[in-house]
């Protein structure tokens, strides 16, 4: 099945954070405070997807107040941090109202392969600098690397496939 055909049925997207919404680096300042850098294009694209009826979630293996803050800014209410099992986290989201079918997962590392193998996932996406095994298993690989506005590429793919892309 073509990537466009897979994208046409997407109702929800699950985002990994480190390596997808960020460049994967974790920075601690002298006071031990962790910082993350997010790209404005990702934020705008997430809001665009939500405005077109795509339900959004974050599932990440780490716990970070910056992720909580960014999710709040973007209106993402489905969020699981500190997930030991990303499939268990997805099941929990589904049990609490997240779509059970027609999902896209975007991740960059081998831990994200758990989601790629979940039966609810129709479209497996990754970033240009992902682990080679993840790239090999993905249906769609962005041209951009993690943390540099990758969500815009994913949004364009999905919204064009669904006839909801209003930008030419």
N, C-alpha and C. Protein backbone atom coordinates (compact mmCIF):
# COMPACT_ATOMS: atom_id res chain seq x y z
N UNK A 1 0.85 -1.17 0.00
CA UNK A 1 0.00 0.00 0.00
C UNK A 1 0.89 1.24 0.00
N UNK A 2 0.51 2.26 -0.76
CA UNK A 2 1.32 3.47 -0.85
C UNK A 2 1.24 4.30 0.44
N UNK A 3 2.24 5.12 0.64
CA UNK A 3 2.27 5.99 1.81
C UNK A 3 1.06 6.91 1.83
N UNK A 4 0.67 7.42 0.65
CA UNK A 4 -0.49 8.31 0.56
C UNK A 4 -1.76 7.58 0.97
N UNK A 5 -1.90 6.33 0.55
CA UNK A 5 -3.08 5.53 0.93
C UNK A 5 -3.12 5.32 2.44
N UNK A 6 -1.97 5.04 3.03
CA UNK A 6 -1.90 4.88 4.48
C UNK A 6 -2.27 6.18 5.20
N UNK A 7 -1.79 7.30 4.67
CA UNK A 7 -2.02 8.61 5.29
C UNK A 7 -3.48 9.04 5.22
N UNK A 8 -4.18 8.56 4.22
CA UNK A 8 -5.58 8.96 4.02
C UNK A 8 -6.47 8.56 5.19
N UNK A 9 -6.13 7.47 5.87
CA UNK A 9 -6.99 6.95 6.94
C UNK A 9 -6.59 7.42 8.34
N UNK A 10 -5.60 8.29 8.45
CA UNK A 10 -5.07 8.66 9.77
C UNK A 10 -6.05 9.54 10.54
N UNK A 11 -6.36 9.10 11.77
CA UNK A 11 -7.25 9.83 12.68
C UNK A 11 -6.48 10.42 13.86
N UNK A 12 -5.32 9.83 14.16
CA UNK A 12 -4.54 10.26 15.31
C UNK A 12 -3.06 10.03 15.09
N UNK A 13 -2.25 10.84 15.75
CA UNK A 13 -0.79 10.73 15.66
C UNK A 13 -0.20 10.66 17.06
N UNK A 14 0.74 9.73 17.24
CA UNK A 14 1.49 9.61 18.48
C UNK A 14 2.91 10.07 18.22
N UNK A 15 3.35 11.06 18.96
CA UNK A 15 4.70 11.62 18.83
C UNK A 15 5.61 11.13 19.93
N UNK A 16 6.82 10.72 19.57
CA UNK A 16 7.92 10.60 20.50
C UNK A 16 8.45 12.03 20.67
N UNK A 17 9.20 12.29 21.71
CA UNK A 17 9.72 13.64 21.94
C UNK A 17 11.20 13.73 21.56
N UNK A 18 12.07 13.11 22.35
CA UNK A 18 13.51 13.24 22.13
C UNK A 18 13.91 12.57 20.82
N UNK A 19 14.42 13.37 19.90
CA UNK A 19 14.82 12.87 18.60
C UNK A 19 13.79 13.10 17.52
N UNK A 20 12.58 13.48 17.90
CA UNK A 20 11.52 13.81 16.93
C UNK A 20 11.13 15.28 17.10
N UNK A 21 10.54 15.61 18.25
CA UNK A 21 10.17 17.00 18.51
C UNK A 21 11.35 17.83 19.00
N UNK A 22 12.44 17.14 19.38
CA UNK A 22 13.70 17.81 19.71
C UNK A 22 14.80 17.14 18.90
N UNK A 23 15.99 17.70 18.96
CA UNK A 23 17.10 17.09 18.22
C UNK A 23 17.71 15.90 18.98
N UNK A 24 17.14 15.55 20.10
CA UNK A 24 17.58 14.39 20.86
C UNK A 24 18.58 14.70 21.96
N UNK A 25 19.10 15.92 21.96
CA UNK A 25 20.06 16.27 23.01
C UNK A 25 19.33 16.64 24.29
N UNK A 26 19.90 16.25 25.41
CA UNK A 26 19.41 16.65 26.72
C UNK A 26 20.49 17.51 27.34
N UNK A 27 20.14 18.73 27.67
CA UNK A 27 21.12 19.69 28.15
C UNK A 27 20.81 20.03 29.60
N UNK A 28 21.84 19.97 30.45
CA UNK A 28 21.71 20.37 31.85
C UNK A 28 22.58 21.60 32.06
N UNK A 29 22.00 22.62 32.71
CA UNK A 29 22.83 23.79 33.02
C UNK A 29 23.57 23.55 34.34
N UNK A 30 24.35 24.54 34.76
CA UNK A 30 25.16 24.39 35.97
C UNK A 30 24.33 24.13 37.22
N UNK A 31 23.07 24.56 37.20
CA UNK A 31 22.19 24.33 38.35
C UNK A 31 21.51 22.96 38.26
N UNK A 32 21.84 22.18 37.22
CA UNK A 32 21.24 20.86 37.05
C UNK A 32 19.87 20.87 36.41
N UNK A 33 19.49 22.02 35.86
CA UNK A 33 18.18 22.15 35.23
C UNK A 33 18.27 21.65 33.80
N UNK A 34 17.36 20.76 33.45
CA UNK A 34 17.30 20.20 32.10
C UNK A 34 16.58 21.18 31.16
N UNK A 35 17.10 21.31 29.96
CA UNK A 35 16.43 22.13 28.96
C UNK A 35 16.25 21.32 27.68
N UNK A 36 15.23 21.71 26.91
CA UNK A 36 14.96 21.11 25.61
C UNK A 36 14.64 22.25 24.66
N UNK A 37 14.92 22.03 23.40
CA UNK A 37 14.65 23.03 22.38
C UNK A 37 13.62 22.47 21.41
N UNK A 38 12.52 23.18 21.23
CA UNK A 38 11.47 22.78 20.31
C UNK A 38 11.43 23.74 19.13
N UNK A 39 11.02 23.24 17.96
CA UNK A 39 10.97 24.06 16.75
C UNK A 39 9.57 24.65 16.58
N UNK A 40 9.51 25.93 16.24
CA UNK A 40 8.23 26.61 16.09
C UNK A 40 7.40 25.99 14.96
N UNK A 41 8.05 25.48 13.91
CA UNK A 41 7.30 24.85 12.81
C UNK A 41 6.55 23.61 13.28
N UNK A 42 7.16 22.87 14.20
CA UNK A 42 6.47 21.70 14.74
C UNK A 42 5.21 22.14 15.49
N UNK A 43 5.33 23.16 16.30
CA UNK A 43 4.18 23.65 17.05
C UNK A 43 3.06 24.12 16.14
N UNK A 44 3.40 24.90 15.13
CA UNK A 44 2.39 25.39 14.19
C UNK A 44 1.75 24.22 13.44
N UNK A 45 2.53 23.22 13.09
CA UNK A 45 2.01 22.07 12.35
C UNK A 45 1.12 21.20 13.22
N UNK A 46 1.47 21.06 14.49
CA UNK A 46 0.64 20.31 15.42
C UNK A 46 -0.72 21.01 15.56
N UNK A 47 -0.71 22.32 15.69
CA UNK A 47 -1.98 23.06 15.78
C UNK A 47 -2.78 22.93 14.49
N UNK A 48 -2.11 22.93 13.35
CA UNK A 48 -2.78 22.75 12.06
C UNK A 48 -3.46 21.38 12.01
N UNK A 49 -2.74 20.33 12.37
CA UNK A 49 -3.31 18.99 12.38
C UNK A 49 -4.54 18.92 13.29
N UNK A 50 -4.44 19.48 14.47
CA UNK A 50 -5.58 19.48 15.41
C UNK A 50 -6.77 20.22 14.82
N UNK A 51 -6.51 21.33 14.14
CA UNK A 51 -7.61 22.11 13.56
C UNK A 51 -8.31 21.36 12.43
N UNK A 52 -7.66 20.36 11.87
CA UNK A 52 -8.23 19.55 10.79
C UNK A 52 -8.81 18.23 11.32
N UNK A 53 -8.90 18.10 12.64
CA UNK A 53 -9.56 16.95 13.24
C UNK A 53 -8.67 15.76 13.57
N UNK A 54 -7.36 15.92 13.47
CA UNK A 54 -6.44 14.84 13.83
C UNK A 54 -6.18 14.91 15.33
N UNK A 55 -6.38 13.79 16.03
CA UNK A 55 -6.17 13.72 17.47
C UNK A 55 -4.69 13.44 17.72
N UNK A 56 -4.11 14.12 18.71
CA UNK A 56 -2.66 14.07 18.93
C UNK A 56 -2.31 13.56 20.32
N UNK A 57 -1.20 12.84 20.38
CA UNK A 57 -0.72 12.31 21.66
C UNK A 57 0.79 12.35 21.68
N UNK A 58 1.32 12.38 22.89
CA UNK A 58 2.76 12.23 23.13
C UNK A 58 2.95 11.02 24.02
N UNK A 59 3.85 10.13 23.60
CA UNK A 59 4.29 9.03 24.45
C UNK A 59 5.81 9.08 24.45
N UNK A 60 6.38 9.26 25.64
CA UNK A 60 7.83 9.38 25.77
C UNK A 60 8.32 8.56 26.95
N UNK A 61 9.51 8.05 26.83
CA UNK A 61 10.11 7.25 27.89
C UNK A 61 10.67 8.08 29.03
N UNK A 62 10.86 9.37 28.79
CA UNK A 62 11.43 10.23 29.83
C UNK A 62 10.33 11.07 30.45
N UNK A 63 10.61 11.65 31.60
CA UNK A 63 9.71 12.55 32.32
C UNK A 63 10.34 13.94 32.29
N UNK A 64 9.59 14.94 31.83
CA UNK A 64 10.15 16.28 31.72
C UNK A 64 9.06 17.34 31.86
N UNK A 65 9.31 18.31 32.72
CA UNK A 65 8.35 19.41 32.87
C UNK A 65 8.26 20.24 31.59
N UNK A 66 9.34 20.26 30.80
CA UNK A 66 9.29 21.01 29.53
C UNK A 66 8.33 20.36 28.54
N UNK A 67 8.24 19.04 28.55
CA UNK A 67 7.30 18.35 27.67
C UNK A 67 5.87 18.66 28.11
N UNK A 68 5.64 18.66 29.41
CA UNK A 68 4.31 19.01 29.93
C UNK A 68 3.94 20.42 29.48
N UNK A 69 4.85 21.35 29.63
CA UNK A 69 4.59 22.74 29.24
C UNK A 69 4.32 22.85 27.74
N UNK A 70 5.15 22.19 26.92
CA UNK A 70 4.97 22.26 25.46
C UNK A 70 3.63 21.64 25.05
N UNK A 71 3.28 20.51 25.64
CA UNK A 71 1.99 19.87 25.34
C UNK A 71 0.84 20.80 25.68
N UNK A 72 0.92 21.46 26.83
CA UNK A 72 -0.13 22.42 27.23
C UNK A 72 -0.23 23.56 26.24
N UNK A 73 0.92 24.10 25.81
CA UNK A 73 0.93 25.21 24.84
C UNK A 73 0.26 24.80 23.54
N UNK A 74 0.42 23.54 23.15
CA UNK A 74 -0.09 23.07 21.86
C UNK A 74 -1.46 22.42 21.97
N UNK A 75 -2.00 22.32 23.17
CA UNK A 75 -3.32 21.72 23.34
C UNK A 75 -3.34 20.21 23.24
N UNK A 76 -2.20 19.56 23.45
CA UNK A 76 -2.14 18.10 23.44
C UNK A 76 -2.51 17.60 24.83
N UNK A 77 -3.63 16.91 24.92
CA UNK A 77 -4.11 16.44 26.23
C UNK A 77 -3.80 14.96 26.46
N UNK A 78 -3.53 14.23 25.40
CA UNK A 78 -3.18 12.81 25.52
C UNK A 78 -1.66 12.73 25.64
N UNK A 79 -1.17 12.49 26.85
CA UNK A 79 0.28 12.49 27.06
C UNK A 79 0.65 11.46 28.11
N UNK A 80 1.66 10.67 27.79
CA UNK A 80 2.20 9.71 28.74
C UNK A 80 3.71 9.92 28.76
N UNK A 81 4.23 10.25 29.94
CA UNK A 81 5.67 10.41 30.12
C UNK A 81 6.17 9.31 31.05
N UNK A 82 7.45 9.00 30.92
CA UNK A 82 8.05 7.96 31.75
C UNK A 82 7.54 6.58 31.39
N UNK A 83 7.16 6.39 30.14
CA UNK A 83 6.59 5.11 29.71
C UNK A 83 7.67 4.04 29.58
N UNK A 84 7.58 3.02 30.39
CA UNK A 84 8.48 1.87 30.24
C UNK A 84 8.09 1.05 29.02
N UNK A 85 6.79 0.97 28.77
CA UNK A 85 6.27 0.26 27.61
C UNK A 85 5.40 1.22 26.81
N UNK A 86 5.83 1.53 25.61
CA UNK A 86 5.05 2.45 24.78
C UNK A 86 3.75 1.81 24.30
N UNK A 87 3.74 0.49 24.15
CA UNK A 87 2.49 -0.17 23.75
C UNK A 87 1.48 -0.14 24.90
N UNK A 88 1.93 -0.34 26.12
CA UNK A 88 1.03 -0.24 27.28
C UNK A 88 0.51 1.19 27.40
N UNK A 89 1.37 2.16 27.15
CA UNK A 89 0.95 3.57 27.20
C UNK A 89 -0.12 3.85 26.14
N UNK A 90 0.07 3.32 24.93
CA UNK A 90 -0.93 3.51 23.88
C UNK A 90 -2.25 2.84 24.26
N UNK A 91 -2.18 1.62 24.81
CA UNK A 91 -3.41 0.94 25.23
C UNK A 91 -4.16 1.78 26.26
N UNK A 92 -3.43 2.37 27.18
CA UNK A 92 -4.04 3.23 28.20
C UNK A 92 -4.72 4.44 27.55
N UNK A 93 -4.06 5.04 26.56
CA UNK A 93 -4.67 6.18 25.87
C UNK A 93 -5.95 5.75 25.15
N UNK A 94 -5.90 4.60 24.49
CA UNK A 94 -7.07 4.09 23.77
C UNK A 94 -8.23 3.84 24.74
N UNK A 95 -7.93 3.27 25.88
CA UNK A 95 -8.96 3.01 26.90
C UNK A 95 -9.56 4.31 27.43
N UNK A 96 -8.85 5.43 27.25
CA UNK A 96 -9.34 6.73 27.72
C UNK A 96 -9.75 7.65 26.58
N UNK A 97 -10.17 7.06 25.44
CA UNK A 97 -10.79 7.85 24.39
C UNK A 97 -9.96 8.17 23.17
N UNK A 98 -8.68 7.81 23.14
CA UNK A 98 -7.86 8.03 21.95
C UNK A 98 -8.31 7.03 20.89
N UNK A 99 -8.29 7.41 19.61
CA UNK A 99 -8.73 6.48 18.56
C UNK A 99 -8.00 5.14 18.63
N UNK A 100 -8.72 4.06 18.34
CA UNK A 100 -8.16 2.72 18.41
C UNK A 100 -7.65 2.23 17.07
N UNK A 101 -7.95 2.93 16.00
CA UNK A 101 -7.52 2.54 14.66
C UNK A 101 -7.14 3.80 13.88
N UNK A 102 -6.41 3.60 12.78
CA UNK A 102 -6.04 4.72 11.92
C UNK A 102 -5.03 5.65 12.57
N UNK A 103 -4.02 5.07 13.19
CA UNK A 103 -3.04 5.87 13.91
C UNK A 103 -1.70 5.91 13.17
N UNK A 104 -1.00 7.01 13.36
CA UNK A 104 0.36 7.20 12.89
C UNK A 104 1.25 7.33 14.12
N UNK A 105 2.37 6.62 14.12
CA UNK A 105 3.38 6.77 15.17
C UNK A 105 4.63 7.32 14.51
N UNK A 106 5.20 8.36 15.13
CA UNK A 106 6.48 8.89 14.65
C UNK A 106 7.49 8.81 15.78
N UNK A 107 8.56 8.07 15.52
CA UNK A 107 9.63 7.89 16.50
C UNK A 107 10.95 7.76 15.79
N UNK A 108 12.03 7.74 16.56
CA UNK A 108 13.37 7.75 15.95
C UNK A 108 14.31 6.67 16.45
N UNK A 109 13.95 5.98 17.52
CA UNK A 109 14.90 5.04 18.12
C UNK A 109 14.26 3.67 18.28
N UNK A 110 15.07 2.69 18.61
CA UNK A 110 14.59 1.31 18.63
C UNK A 110 13.45 1.10 19.63
N UNK A 111 13.37 1.90 20.69
CA UNK A 111 12.25 1.77 21.63
C UNK A 111 10.92 2.10 20.95
N UNK A 112 10.96 2.89 19.89
CA UNK A 112 9.73 3.27 19.19
C UNK A 112 9.21 2.16 18.29
N UNK A 113 10.00 1.13 18.05
CA UNK A 113 9.54 0.01 17.24
C UNK A 113 8.39 -0.72 17.91
N UNK A 114 8.28 -0.62 19.24
CA UNK A 114 7.13 -1.18 19.96
C UNK A 114 5.83 -0.64 19.35
N UNK A 115 5.79 0.67 19.17
CA UNK A 115 4.58 1.29 18.61
C UNK A 115 4.39 0.90 17.16
N UNK A 116 5.48 0.84 16.41
CA UNK A 116 5.38 0.48 15.00
C UNK A 116 4.68 -0.88 14.83
N UNK A 117 4.85 -1.78 15.79
CA UNK A 117 4.28 -3.12 15.71
C UNK A 117 2.89 -3.24 16.30
N UNK A 118 2.37 -2.16 16.90
CA UNK A 118 1.04 -2.20 17.51
C UNK A 118 -0.03 -2.27 16.42
N UNK A 119 -1.07 -3.09 16.59
CA UNK A 119 -2.09 -3.25 15.54
C UNK A 119 -2.88 -1.98 15.21
N UNK A 120 -2.89 -0.99 16.09
CA UNK A 120 -3.61 0.26 15.81
C UNK A 120 -2.84 1.19 14.87
N UNK A 121 -1.56 0.92 14.67
CA UNK A 121 -0.72 1.81 13.86
C UNK A 121 -0.83 1.45 12.39
N UNK A 122 -1.29 2.43 11.61
CA UNK A 122 -1.42 2.25 10.15
C UNK A 122 -0.24 2.85 9.41
N UNK A 123 0.32 3.93 9.94
CA UNK A 123 1.41 4.65 9.28
C UNK A 123 2.56 4.80 10.26
N UNK A 124 3.73 4.29 9.86
CA UNK A 124 4.93 4.33 10.69
C UNK A 124 5.85 5.40 10.09
N UNK A 125 6.13 6.43 10.88
CA UNK A 125 6.94 7.55 10.38
C UNK A 125 8.18 7.72 11.24
N UNK A 126 9.22 8.26 10.61
CA UNK A 126 10.44 8.54 11.35
C UNK A 126 11.14 9.74 10.72
N UNK A 127 12.24 10.13 11.33
CA UNK A 127 13.00 11.31 10.90
C UNK A 127 14.28 10.87 10.18
N UNK A 128 14.86 11.78 9.43
CA UNK A 128 16.02 11.46 8.59
C UNK A 128 17.21 10.93 9.37
N UNK A 129 17.38 11.34 10.61
CA UNK A 129 18.54 10.90 11.40
C UNK A 129 18.18 9.82 12.42
N UNK A 130 17.11 9.09 12.18
CA UNK A 130 16.69 8.00 13.06
C UNK A 130 17.67 6.84 12.99
N UNK A 131 17.55 5.93 13.93
CA UNK A 131 18.34 4.70 13.91
C UNK A 131 18.02 3.97 12.60
N UNK A 132 19.02 3.39 11.95
CA UNK A 132 18.80 2.71 10.66
C UNK A 132 17.71 1.63 10.69
N UNK A 133 17.58 0.92 11.80
CA UNK A 133 16.54 -0.10 11.90
C UNK A 133 15.16 0.54 11.84
N UNK A 134 15.02 1.69 12.47
CA UNK A 134 13.73 2.40 12.47
C UNK A 134 13.43 2.91 11.06
N UNK A 135 14.43 3.46 10.40
CA UNK A 135 14.25 3.92 9.01
C UNK A 135 13.80 2.76 8.13
N UNK A 136 14.40 1.60 8.33
CA UNK A 136 14.06 0.42 7.53
C UNK A 136 12.61 -0.02 7.74
N UNK A 137 12.07 0.17 8.94
CA UNK A 137 10.71 -0.28 9.27
C UNK A 137 9.65 0.79 8.98
N UNK A 138 10.08 2.02 8.67
CA UNK A 138 9.13 3.13 8.49
C UNK A 138 8.50 3.13 7.10
N UNK A 139 7.25 3.60 7.07
CA UNK A 139 6.55 3.83 5.80
C UNK A 139 6.90 5.19 5.22
N UNK A 140 7.27 6.13 6.11
CA UNK A 140 7.56 7.51 5.71
C UNK A 140 8.75 8.03 6.51
N UNK A 141 9.73 8.58 5.81
CA UNK A 141 10.91 9.17 6.45
C UNK A 141 10.97 10.63 6.04
N UNK A 142 11.00 11.52 7.03
CA UNK A 142 11.08 12.95 6.72
C UNK A 142 12.44 13.27 6.10
N UNK A 143 12.49 14.39 5.39
CA UNK A 143 13.77 14.87 4.87
C UNK A 143 14.55 15.59 5.96
N UNK A 144 13.82 16.20 6.90
CA UNK A 144 14.45 16.92 8.00
C UNK A 144 14.84 15.96 9.11
N UNK A 145 15.79 16.39 9.91
CA UNK A 145 16.20 15.63 11.09
C UNK A 145 15.34 16.03 12.29
N UNK A 146 15.36 15.22 13.32
CA UNK A 146 14.58 15.49 14.52
C UNK A 146 14.85 16.86 15.09
N UNK A 147 13.77 17.53 15.51
CA UNK A 147 13.88 18.84 16.14
C UNK A 147 14.00 19.99 15.17
N UNK A 148 13.88 19.73 13.86
CA UNK A 148 14.05 20.81 12.88
C UNK A 148 12.79 21.07 12.06
N UNK A 149 11.64 20.76 12.63
CA UNK A 149 10.38 21.03 11.93
C UNK A 149 9.82 19.85 11.16
N UNK A 150 10.07 18.63 11.65
CA UNK A 150 9.64 17.43 10.94
C UNK A 150 8.13 17.27 10.86
N UNK A 151 7.40 17.83 11.82
CA UNK A 151 5.94 17.64 11.85
C UNK A 151 5.30 18.28 10.63
N UNK A 152 5.88 19.35 10.10
CA UNK A 152 5.33 19.98 8.90
C UNK A 152 5.29 18.99 7.73
N UNK A 153 6.34 18.20 7.57
CA UNK A 153 6.37 17.21 6.49
C UNK A 153 5.28 16.15 6.70
N UNK A 154 5.12 15.70 7.91
CA UNK A 154 4.11 14.70 8.22
C UNK A 154 2.71 15.27 8.03
N UNK A 155 2.51 16.50 8.50
CA UNK A 155 1.21 17.15 8.34
C UNK A 155 0.86 17.31 6.87
N UNK A 156 1.82 17.72 6.07
CA UNK A 156 1.56 17.90 4.64
C UNK A 156 1.17 16.56 4.00
N UNK A 157 1.89 15.50 4.31
CA UNK A 157 1.57 14.18 3.77
C UNK A 157 0.14 13.78 4.12
N UNK A 158 -0.21 13.85 5.40
CA UNK A 158 -1.52 13.39 5.86
C UNK A 158 -2.64 14.28 5.33
N UNK A 159 -2.46 15.58 5.45
CA UNK A 159 -3.54 16.49 5.05
C UNK A 159 -3.75 16.51 3.54
N UNK A 160 -2.70 16.39 2.76
CA UNK A 160 -2.86 16.28 1.30
C UNK A 160 -3.61 14.99 0.95
N UNK A 161 -3.24 13.88 1.59
CA UNK A 161 -3.90 12.60 1.32
C UNK A 161 -5.39 12.66 1.66
N UNK A 162 -5.74 13.47 2.66
CA UNK A 162 -7.12 13.57 3.10
C UNK A 162 -7.87 14.73 2.45
N UNK A 163 -7.20 15.44 1.53
CA UNK A 163 -7.84 16.57 0.86
C UNK A 163 -8.09 17.77 1.78
N UNK A 164 -7.30 17.90 2.83
CA UNK A 164 -7.46 18.97 3.81
C UNK A 164 -6.30 19.97 3.79
N UNK A 165 -5.40 19.85 2.82
CA UNK A 165 -4.24 20.74 2.72
C UNK A 165 -4.68 21.96 1.90
N UNK A 166 -4.72 23.11 2.51
CA UNK A 166 -5.27 24.32 1.89
C UNK A 166 -4.19 25.27 1.35
N UNK A 167 -3.02 24.78 1.10
CA UNK A 167 -1.90 25.67 0.78
C UNK A 167 -1.32 25.44 -0.60
N UNK A 168 -2.12 24.97 -1.53
CA UNK A 168 -1.67 24.82 -2.92
C UNK A 168 -1.10 23.48 -3.25
